[in-house]
Amino acid sequence: MPLVDLVMPKMGESIMEATILKWLKQPGDPVKQDETVLEIATDKVDSEVPSITEGVLEELLFQVNDVVPIGAVIARIRTNGVGFPTTASRPQPQAVTQTPITIVPEAPIVQSAPAAYNTNPAASYTQPAASSGVPRFYSPLVLNIAASEGVPLGELETIAGTGNEGRVTKKDILQYIAERKPGGYSAATPSSNGLPPAATPRRSESPAQSPVPSSPATTYSGNVEIIEMDRMRRLIADHMVRSKHTSPHVTSFSEADVTHLVQWRDKVKKDFEKRENTKITFTPLFIEAIVRCIKKYPLINSSLDGDKIIIKKDIHIGMATALPTGNLIVPVIRYADQLNLVGLARQVNALADNARTGKLKPEDTQGGTFTMTNVGTFGSLMGTPIINQPQVAILAVGAIKKRPMVLETPDGDAIAIRHMMYLSLSYDHRIVDGSLGASFLSAVARELENFSPDREF
């Protein structure tokens, strides 16, 4: 019976490696086709890797917490011969060599996503190589580790990469950090033949599990319960702290009278769902207003690279979405400025459903240029969100509440019951000054207030 190689599947354009979280099958266990064999993690999402054939798991080539390059063989499955040529069906030479058959899974099934509410604090961009002048690519994971370990870009460029086309992998930078001397560069340099030195295989931790000095165990008094943070929560904590350390946060507040918007949605939501086969929520209406205001204030849609401001011409809106576990992820609506309201509604509903059911793809959480979070979903009136690095601003919308408001009418002031909502914008004060932040936030509020109750969809 032939052996079939199970390889690490491709997870996204910029993802070159993945960490094994858990083996769900052990050698000797029977597996069915499309049955999950192991769980893996990248710096974007956690995923399940299914079996590509039916048979018995013969061998595991990597262990839990091992960092594996994309395309590497991770396990072998002995098949029952169905759909594959067997040795019995071929002419038998004196010595038979059993050659594994390599089949790559078409696509992994995404299980859950880690802390995309605060995605990579450093963008996946190309840096100039120090020696050759040829652009050098650094993955978000490598940039994250470099930032957390205090490795500057100039030092990062001296590290010899063992990845594809000389890229620095997670293993390379972790090994470099472990071996470098305090206060100076000690990166391995290419050998005389121009090739990087051979790397020693090693097991590595996830970004949130970087080696730390051992410390005495802490004791807790009183009646307490100790809960170990899971991997996703550790990543959230790491991204939160890093964002605060990276950007000087300022938050501005505004409020909007969204009575016309609420009334319009109540009026059309049944017909909208019947005609378009998708629900109309408040989220696409908010995103539509945000996109219009970004076009007026393009600096809000930017990032910072050293002393260079990178203004993004494409508008990719991230929307913070709660997972059943309580964690948050930010799927991205790409080219939101090119979608009408129906298109936005479809994208919002599809991404939200995929997030909650664990079907997001790695690319669904990449490339956001501005983020919106709805803190009102959980009843909060307002919030001070933390910037989703490397973006420079994030908008929070609070719960919509009926309140008595003073209205100016031709006959004088009058008190009326209106649907009111608070908005808050946190922004990076290195780029966005208070005048720009307040102007953008006020523009969003005006867009929502000026919503036409007679609008067609």
Protein backbone atom coordinates (compact mmCIF):
# COMPACT_ATOMS: atom_id res chain seq x y z
CA MET A 1 0.00 0.00 0.00
CA PRO A 2 1.46 3.38 -1.03
CA LEU A 3 2.31 6.27 1.24
CA VAL A 4 0.83 9.73 0.65
CA ASP A 5 2.61 12.86 1.88
CA LEU A 6 0.57 15.43 3.78
CA VAL A 7 2.20 18.84 3.31
CA MET A 8 1.85 22.19 5.03
CA PRO A 9 -0.73 24.01 2.86
CA LYS A 10 -0.33 27.53 1.50
CA MET A 11 -2.17 29.94 3.80
CA GLY A 12 -1.81 33.26 2.04
CA GLU A 13 0.42 35.27 -0.24
CA SER A 14 2.70 36.65 2.49
CA ILE A 15 2.64 33.64 4.83
CA MET A 16 5.74 31.46 4.52
CA GLU A 17 5.47 29.28 7.64
CA ALA A 18 3.04 27.99 10.25
CA THR A 19 3.24 26.64 13.79
CA ILE A 20 1.75 23.26 14.70
CA LEU A 21 -0.68 23.75 17.58
CA LYS A 22 -2.12 20.28 18.05
CA TRP A 23 -2.11 16.85 16.41
CA LEU A 24 -5.63 15.44 16.43
CA LYS A 25 -4.43 12.11 15.04
CA GLN A 26 -1.51 9.93 16.11
CA PRO A 27 0.46 7.26 14.21
CA GLY A 28 -1.71 4.19 13.77
CA ASP A 29 -4.99 6.11 13.85
CA PRO A 30 -7.32 5.65 10.87
CA VAL A 31 -8.18 8.84 8.97
CA LYS A 32 -10.88 9.57 6.45
CA GLN A 33 -10.58 11.89 3.52
CA ASP A 34 -11.19 15.53 4.57
CA GLU A 35 -10.99 14.57 8.25
CA THR A 36 -8.97 17.06 10.33
CA VAL A 37 -5.51 15.75 11.17
CA LEU A 38 -3.92 18.73 12.94
CA GLU A 39 -4.40 22.36 13.90
CA ILE A 40 -1.90 25.00 12.79
CA ALA A 41 -1.42 28.72 13.40
CA THR A 42 0.09 31.64 11.53
CA ASP A 43 0.31 35.23 12.67
CA LYS A 44 -3.09 35.74 11.01
CA VAL A 45 -5.40 32.81 11.69
CA ASP A 46 -5.63 29.37 13.25
CA SER A 47 -6.55 26.64 10.78
CA GLU A 48 -7.33 22.95 10.46
CA VAL A 49 -5.43 20.78 8.01
CA PRO A 50 -7.58 17.96 6.61
CA SER A 51 -6.45 14.60 5.33
CA ILE A 52 -6.22 14.38 1.55
CA THR A 53 -6.92 10.66 1.43
CA GLU A 54 -8.31 7.76 3.43
CA GLY A 55 -5.95 5.44 5.22
CA VAL A 56 -3.87 5.08 8.38
CA LEU A 57 -1.57 7.77 9.73
CA GLU A 58 1.89 6.29 9.35
CA GLU A 59 4.31 8.95 10.62
CA LEU A 60 4.46 12.46 12.10
CA LEU A 61 7.45 14.46 10.90
CA PHE A 62 6.99 17.47 13.19
CA GLN A 63 5.88 17.97 16.77
CA VAL A 64 3.65 20.48 18.55
CA ASN A 65 5.10 24.04 18.52
CA ASP A 66 7.40 23.27 15.60
CA VAL A 67 7.55 26.05 12.98
CA VAL A 68 7.13 24.48 9.54
CA PRO A 69 7.67 26.14 6.14
CA ILE A 70 4.84 26.12 3.65
CA GLY A 71 5.05 23.09 1.35
CA ALA A 72 7.05 20.92 3.76
CA VAL A 73 5.90 17.33 4.34
CA ILE A 74 4.43 17.15 7.86
CA ALA A 75 3.02 13.60 7.95
CA ARG A 76 2.60 10.45 5.88
CA ILE A 77 -0.57 8.44 5.43
CA ARG A 78 -0.64 4.81 4.34
CA THR A 79 -3.57 4.44 2.00
CA ASN A 80 -5.77 1.47 1.26
CA GLY A 81 -4.92 1.75 -2.43
CA VAL A 82 -8.21 3.34 -3.51
CA GLY A 83 -7.47 5.88 -6.21
CA PHE A 84 -3.74 5.20 -6.11
CA PRO A 85 -1.62 2.63 -7.89
CA THR A 86 -0.52 -0.18 -5.58
CA THR A 87 2.51 -2.36 -5.77
CA ALA A 88 0.30 -5.38 -6.49
CA SER A 89 -1.04 -3.79 -9.67
CA ARG A 90 2.39 -3.10 -11.17
CA PRO A 91 5.14 -5.40 -12.42
CA GLN A 92 7.29 -6.33 -9.42
CA PRO A 93 11.04 -5.76 -9.75
CA GLN A 94 13.44 -7.61 -7.48
CA ALA A 95 13.81 -4.62 -5.17
CA VAL A 96 10.78 -2.42 -4.73
CA THR A 97 11.34 1.14 -3.59
CA GLN A 98 8.29 2.70 -2.01
CA THR A 99 8.06 6.31 -3.20
CA PRO A 100 5.70 8.64 -1.30
CA ILE A 101 3.03 10.41 -3.34
CA THR A 102 2.85 14.14 -2.63
CA ILE A 103 -0.56 15.79 -2.81
CA VAL A 104 -1.19 19.33 -1.57
CA PRO A 105 -4.54 20.06 0.11
CA GLU A 106 -6.57 22.52 -1.93
CA ALA A 107 -7.36 24.80 1.00
CA PRO A 108 -7.42 24.51 4.78
CA ILE A 109 -10.57 25.07 6.77
CA VAL A 110 -10.06 28.09 8.99
CA GLN A 111 -11.04 27.38 12.56
CA SER A 112 -10.64 30.65 14.37
CA ALA A 113 -8.60 33.79 14.08
CA PRO A 114 -6.25 35.28 16.63
CA ALA A 115 -6.86 38.76 17.85
CA ALA A 116 -7.31 40.43 14.56
CA TYR A 117 -8.90 43.31 16.41
CA ASN A 118 -5.28 44.37 16.66
CA THR A 119 -3.48 43.00 13.67
CA ASN A 120 0.21 43.11 12.96
CA PRO A 121 1.79 46.26 14.37
CA ALA A 122 4.21 46.38 11.48
CA ALA A 123 3.03 46.18 7.90
CA SER A 124 4.11 43.59 5.37
CA TYR A 125 6.13 45.87 3.24
CA THR A 126 9.36 45.61 1.30
CA GLN A 127 12.51 46.99 2.88
CA PRO A 128 15.69 47.78 0.98
CA ALA A 129 18.43 45.26 1.62
CA ALA A 130 21.53 46.81 3.14
CA SER A 131 24.05 44.97 1.02
CA SER A 132 22.64 44.52 -2.46
CA GLY A 133 20.02 47.23 -2.83
CA VAL A 134 17.50 44.56 -3.86
CA PRO A 135 14.15 44.89 -2.05
CA ARG A 136 13.84 42.43 0.80
CA PHE A 137 10.50 41.16 2.08
CA TYR A 138 9.76 40.78 5.80
CA SER A 139 6.63 38.97 6.93
CA PRO A 140 4.33 40.56 9.54
CA LEU A 141 5.40 37.89 12.04
CA VAL A 142 9.11 38.66 11.63
CA LEU A 143 8.45 42.40 11.96
CA ASN A 144 6.34 41.78 15.06
CA ILE A 145 9.12 39.80 16.74
CA ALA A 146 11.75 42.35 15.72
CA ALA A 147 9.68 45.19 17.20
CA SER A 148 9.00 43.35 20.46
CA GLU A 149 12.67 42.36 20.88
CA GLY A 150 14.06 45.80 20.00
CA VAL A 151 15.74 44.73 16.76
CA PRO A 152 15.97 47.84 14.51
CA LEU A 153 15.57 47.63 10.76
CA GLY A 154 19.28 48.11 10.13
CA GLU A 155 20.07 45.15 12.35
CA LEU A 156 17.28 43.08 10.81
CA GLU A 157 18.84 43.53 7.39
CA THR A 158 22.07 41.89 8.58
CA ILE A 159 20.35 38.61 9.46
CA ALA A 160 21.00 35.82 6.96
CA GLY A 161 17.66 34.35 5.92
CA THR A 162 17.11 30.66 5.26
CA GLY A 163 13.65 31.09 3.74
CA ASN A 164 12.58 31.33 0.13
CA GLU A 165 14.79 33.79 -1.81
CA GLY A 166 16.79 34.48 1.34
CA ARG A 167 13.83 35.66 3.40
CA VAL A 168 14.23 35.91 7.16
CA THR A 169 11.93 33.35 8.77
CA LYS A 170 10.59 33.22 12.29
CA LYS A 171 13.18 30.56 13.09
CA ASP A 172 15.98 32.79 11.81
CA ILE A 173 15.10 35.83 13.90
CA LEU A 174 14.38 33.83 17.06
CA GLN A 175 17.70 32.04 16.69
CA TYR A 176 19.44 35.37 16.09
CA ILE A 177 17.83 36.94 19.17
CA ALA A 178 18.85 33.95 21.30
CA GLU A 179 22.47 34.15 20.10
CA ARG A 180 23.13 37.88 19.77
CA LYS A 181 25.18 39.69 22.37
CA PRO A 182 23.55 42.47 24.39
CA GLY A 183 24.17 45.92 22.98
CA GLY A 184 25.53 44.97 19.60
CA TYR A 185 25.00 43.14 16.34
CA SER A 186 25.96 39.49 16.26
CA ALA A 187 23.95 38.26 13.30
CA ALA A 188 25.27 35.36 11.29
CA THR A 189 26.73 36.65 8.06
CA PRO A 190 26.73 34.92 4.70
CA SER A 191 29.65 32.59 4.06
CA SER A 192 32.38 33.22 1.50
CA ASN A 193 30.38 31.50 -1.22
CA GLY A 194 27.52 33.97 -0.76
CA LEU A 195 25.15 31.39 0.77
CA PRO A 196 23.69 31.65 4.27
CA PRO A 197 25.12 29.25 6.84
CA ALA A 198 23.16 26.08 7.50
CA ALA A 199 20.46 26.60 10.07
CA THR A 200 20.04 24.22 12.94
CA PRO A 201 16.43 23.02 13.25
CA ARG A 202 14.88 24.20 16.46
CA ARG A 203 11.49 24.36 18.05
CA SER A 204 10.08 27.81 18.48
CA GLU A 205 7.39 29.53 20.47
CA SER A 206 4.58 31.67 19.11
CA PRO A 207 5.13 35.47 19.11
CA ALA A 208 3.37 35.80 22.43
CA GLN A 209 5.63 33.12 23.94
CA SER A 210 9.04 34.73 23.42
CA PRO A 211 11.62 33.50 25.91
CA VAL A 212 11.52 35.48 29.15
CA PRO A 213 13.74 35.30 32.19
CA SER A 214 12.54 32.84 34.79
CA SER A 215 11.05 34.42 37.88
CA PRO A 216 9.84 33.06 41.20
CA ALA A 217 6.32 31.69 41.18
CA THR A 218 3.74 34.22 42.35
CA THR A 219 1.49 33.23 45.22
CA TYR A 220 -2.09 34.47 45.49
CA SER A 221 -3.99 34.90 48.72
CA GLY A 222 -7.70 34.61 49.24
CA ASN A 223 -10.32 32.81 47.21
CA VAL A 224 -9.09 33.10 43.60
CA GLU A 225 -9.41 31.26 40.32
CA ILE A 226 -6.40 31.18 38.00
CA ILE A 227 -7.11 30.93 34.26
CA GLU A 228 -4.30 30.37 31.80
CA MET A 229 -4.53 32.73 28.82
CA ASP A 230 -5.06 30.91 25.57
CA ARG A 231 -2.96 31.67 22.50
CA MET A 232 -5.47 34.08 21.02
CA ARG A 233 -5.78 36.08 24.22
CA ARG A 234 -1.97 36.27 24.55
CA LEU A 235 -1.77 37.67 21.03
CA ILE A 236 -4.48 40.21 21.83
CA ALA A 237 -2.58 41.32 24.92
CA ASP A 238 0.68 41.56 22.98
CA HIS A 239 -0.89 43.62 20.17
CA MET A 240 -2.64 45.94 22.63
CA VAL A 241 0.53 46.76 24.51
CA ARG A 242 2.56 47.14 21.32
CA SER A 243 0.02 49.53 19.79
CA LYS A 244 0.07 51.72 22.88
CA HIS A 245 3.88 51.72 22.84
CA THR A 246 3.96 52.54 19.13
CA SER A 247 1.36 55.30 18.79
CA PRO A 248 0.59 58.26 21.07
CA HIS A 249 -3.18 57.82 21.29
CA VAL A 250 -5.63 60.71 21.30
CA THR A 251 -9.40 60.16 21.33
CA SER A 252 -12.05 62.64 20.19
CA PHE A 253 -15.80 62.29 20.73
CA SER A 254 -18.90 63.41 18.89
CA GLU A 255 -22.58 62.53 18.76
CA ALA A 256 -24.96 62.12 15.87
CA ASP A 257 -28.70 62.28 15.49
CA VAL A 258 -29.33 59.12 13.46
CA THR A 259 -33.13 59.26 13.62
CA HIS A 260 -33.58 59.35 9.83
CA LEU A 261 -31.13 56.47 9.36
CA VAL A 262 -32.93 54.33 11.95
CA GLN A 263 -36.34 55.07 10.49
CA TRP A 264 -35.16 54.32 6.94
CA ARG A 265 -33.69 50.98 7.96
CA ASP A 266 -36.85 50.00 9.85
CA LYS A 267 -38.88 50.86 6.77
CA VAL A 268 -36.85 48.97 4.17
CA LYS A 269 -35.22 46.05 6.02
CA LYS A 270 -37.90 43.47 5.10
CA ASP A 271 -38.02 44.43 1.43
CA PHE A 272 -34.23 44.69 1.33
CA GLU A 273 -33.77 41.14 2.64
CA LYS A 274 -36.47 39.80 0.34
CA ARG A 275 -35.00 41.44 -2.77
CA GLU A 276 -31.28 41.09 -2.06
CA ASN A 277 -31.38 37.88 -0.01
CA THR A 278 -29.23 39.50 2.69
CA LYS A 279 -29.96 41.61 5.76
CA ILE A 280 -29.35 45.33 6.01
CA THR A 281 -27.69 46.14 9.34
CA PHE A 282 -26.31 49.45 10.57
CA THR A 283 -22.71 48.44 9.85
CA PRO A 284 -22.74 48.94 6.05
CA LEU A 285 -24.46 52.30 6.57
CA PHE A 286 -21.70 53.37 8.96
CA ILE A 287 -18.98 52.10 6.62
CA GLU A 288 -20.52 53.98 3.69
CA ALA A 289 -20.34 57.23 5.67
CA ILE A 290 -16.75 56.51 6.76
CA VAL A 291 -15.63 55.88 3.17
CA ARG A 292 -17.09 59.19 2.00
CA CYS A 293 -15.25 61.07 4.75
CA ILE A 294 -11.94 59.27 4.12
CA LYS A 295 -12.08 60.64 0.57
CA LYS A 296 -12.35 64.13 2.05
CA TYR A 297 -9.57 63.52 4.61
CA PRO A 298 -7.16 61.03 2.97
CA LEU A 299 -4.50 61.37 5.68
CA ILE A 300 -6.78 59.32 7.95
CA ASN A 301 -6.20 56.40 5.57
CA SER A 302 -2.43 56.18 6.01
CA SER A 303 0.42 54.57 7.92
CA LEU A 304 3.84 55.65 9.17
CA ASP A 305 7.15 54.16 8.01
CA GLY A 306 9.94 55.83 9.93
CA ASP A 307 9.65 59.49 8.97
CA LYS A 308 7.60 58.74 5.85
CA ILE A 309 3.79 59.01 5.77
CA ILE A 310 2.27 56.39 3.44
CA ILE A 311 -1.14 57.55 2.23
CA LYS A 312 -3.20 54.58 1.02
CA LYS A 313 -5.13 55.25 -2.16
CA ASP A 314 -7.19 52.08 -1.74
CA ILE A 315 -9.75 52.05 1.07
CA HIS A 316 -9.93 48.72 2.89
CA ILE A 317 -12.21 48.92 5.94
CA GLY A 318 -11.75 46.50 8.82
CA MET A 319 -14.73 45.76 11.04
CA ALA A 320 -14.16 44.34 14.50
CA THR A 321 -16.26 41.19 14.91
CA ALA A 322 -16.89 39.26 18.11
CA LEU A 323 -16.20 35.53 18.06
CA PRO A 324 -18.17 32.98 20.11
CA THR A 325 -15.12 32.69 22.40
CA GLY A 326 -15.38 36.38 23.30
CA ASN A 327 -12.26 37.32 21.35
CA LEU A 328 -12.32 39.76 18.45
CA ILE A 329 -11.17 39.53 14.87
CA VAL A 330 -11.13 42.18 12.15
CA PRO A 331 -12.12 40.90 8.71
CA VAL A 332 -11.44 43.45 5.99
CA ILE A 333 -13.83 44.79 3.34
CA ARG A 334 -11.45 45.41 0.47
CA TYR A 335 -12.01 48.33 -1.92
CA ALA A 336 -14.97 49.50 0.14
CA ASP A 337 -15.07 52.72 -1.87
CA GLN A 338 -15.97 50.71 -4.99
CA LEU A 339 -19.01 49.02 -3.43
CA ASN A 340 -22.56 50.35 -3.27
CA LEU A 341 -24.76 49.82 -0.22
CA VAL A 342 -25.95 46.39 -1.38
CA GLY A 343 -22.37 45.29 -2.02
CA LEU A 344 -21.28 46.52 1.41
CA ALA A 345 -24.17 44.70 3.08
CA ARG A 346 -23.26 41.44 1.34
CA GLN A 347 -19.59 41.77 2.30
CA VAL A 348 -20.36 42.68 5.91
CA ASN A 349 -22.76 39.76 6.40
CA ALA A 350 -20.55 37.22 4.64
CA LEU A 351 -17.41 38.16 6.57
CA ALA A 352 -19.24 38.31 9.90
CA ASP A 353 -20.81 34.87 9.33
CA ASN A 354 -17.49 33.37 8.25
CA ALA A 355 -15.78 34.82 11.32
CA ARG A 356 -18.33 33.35 13.71
CA THR A 357 -18.29 29.94 12.02
CA GLY A 358 -14.51 29.73 11.64
CA LYS A 359 -14.47 29.95 7.85
CA LEU A 360 -12.38 33.07 7.35
CA LYS A 361 -9.39 32.76 5.05
CA PRO A 362 -6.03 34.31 6.02
CA GLU A 363 -6.35 36.98 3.34
CA ASP A 364 -9.72 38.05 4.81
CA THR A 365 -7.91 39.72 7.73
CA GLN A 366 -5.05 41.33 5.81
CA GLY A 367 -4.49 44.76 4.31
CA GLY A 368 -6.91 46.91 6.29
CA THR A 369 -6.30 50.67 6.08
CA PHE A 370 -8.92 51.89 8.59
CA THR A 371 -10.94 50.08 11.26
CA MET A 372 -14.42 50.52 12.68
CA THR A 373 -15.62 48.84 15.87
CA ASN A 374 -19.20 48.81 17.13
CA VAL A 375 -18.98 48.98 20.91
CA GLY A 376 -22.72 49.58 20.98
CA THR A 377 -23.30 45.93 20.08
CA PHE A 378 -22.76 45.09 23.74
CA GLY A 379 -24.68 48.09 25.08
CA SER A 380 -21.79 50.49 25.56
CA LEU A 381 -22.51 54.16 24.89
CA MET A 382 -18.96 54.97 23.81
CA GLY A 383 -15.42 53.65 23.91
CA THR A 384 -11.77 54.60 23.46
CA PRO A 385 -10.54 51.96 20.99
CA ILE A 386 -6.87 51.10 20.52
CA ILE A 387 -5.44 51.70 17.06
CA ASN A 388 -5.13 48.68 14.81
CA GLN A 389 -1.45 48.92 13.81
CA PRO A 390 -0.07 49.98 11.37
CA GLN A 391 -3.16 52.11 10.75
CA VAL A 392 -3.38 55.60 12.24
CA ALA A 393 -7.03 55.76 13.35
CA ILE A 394 -9.96 53.65 14.50
CA LEU A 395 -13.60 54.71 14.85
CA ALA A 396 -15.95 53.37 17.51
CA VAL A 397 -19.74 53.69 17.32
CA GLY A 398 -21.82 53.38 20.45
CA ALA A 399 -25.32 52.14 21.16
CA ILE A 400 -28.21 54.03 19.57
CA LYS A 401 -30.43 55.41 22.33
CA LYS A 402 -33.61 57.51 22.34
CA ARG A 403 -33.07 60.79 24.14
CA PRO A 404 -34.96 64.10 24.45
CA MET A 405 -33.12 66.67 22.35
CA VAL A 406 -33.59 70.36 21.68
CA LEU A 407 -34.38 71.00 18.00
CA GLU A 408 -34.24 74.33 16.26
CA THR A 409 -37.40 74.91 14.20
CA PRO A 410 -38.78 77.94 12.28
CA ASP A 411 -41.16 78.41 15.20
CA GLY A 412 -38.41 78.29 17.80
CA ASP A 413 -36.75 75.61 19.86
CA ALA A 414 -38.63 72.40 20.58
CA ILE A 415 -37.92 69.24 22.55
CA ALA A 416 -38.30 65.97 20.65
CA ILE A 417 -37.38 62.33 21.12
CA ARG A 418 -34.48 61.46 18.80
CA HIS A 419 -32.27 58.45 18.12
CA MET A 420 -28.80 59.53 19.28
CA MET A 421 -25.43 57.83 19.01
CA TYR A 422 -21.96 58.69 20.30
CA LEU A 423 -18.91 58.27 18.07
CA SER A 424 -15.27 58.22 19.15
CA LEU A 425 -12.10 58.34 17.07
CA SER A 426 -8.72 57.24 18.42
CA TYR A 427 -5.85 58.44 16.27
CA ASP A 428 -2.06 58.45 16.13
CA HIS A 429 -0.98 61.93 17.21
CA ARG A 430 2.32 61.57 15.34
CA ILE A 431 0.39 61.96 12.08
CA VAL A 432 -3.14 63.09 12.92
CA ASP A 433 -3.47 66.36 14.78
CA GLY A 434 -6.50 67.21 16.88
CA SER A 435 -7.94 69.48 14.19
CA LEU A 436 -7.82 66.73 11.56
CA GLY A 437 -9.14 64.05 13.94
CA ALA A 438 -12.03 66.24 15.08
CA SER A 439 -12.82 67.38 11.53
CA PHE A 440 -12.98 63.82 10.24
CA LEU A 441 -15.13 62.66 13.16
CA SER A 442 -17.52 65.59 12.75
CA ALA A 443 -17.78 64.86 9.03
CA VAL A 444 -18.81 61.25 9.76
CA ALA A 445 -21.43 62.47 12.23
CA ARG A 446 -22.83 64.91 9.63
CA GLU A 447 -22.99 62.16 7.01
CA LEU A 448 -25.09 60.05 9.36
CA GLU A 449 -27.31 62.95 10.39
CA ASN A 450 -27.94 63.99 6.80
CA PHE A 451 -29.06 60.51 5.75
CA SER A 452 -32.06 60.84 3.44
CA PRO A 453 -35.19 59.09 4.75
CA ASP A 454 -36.47 58.85 1.15
CA ARG A 455 -33.39 57.06 -0.17
CA GLU A 456 -33.85 54.20 -2.64
CA PHE A 457 -31.82 51.02 -2.28
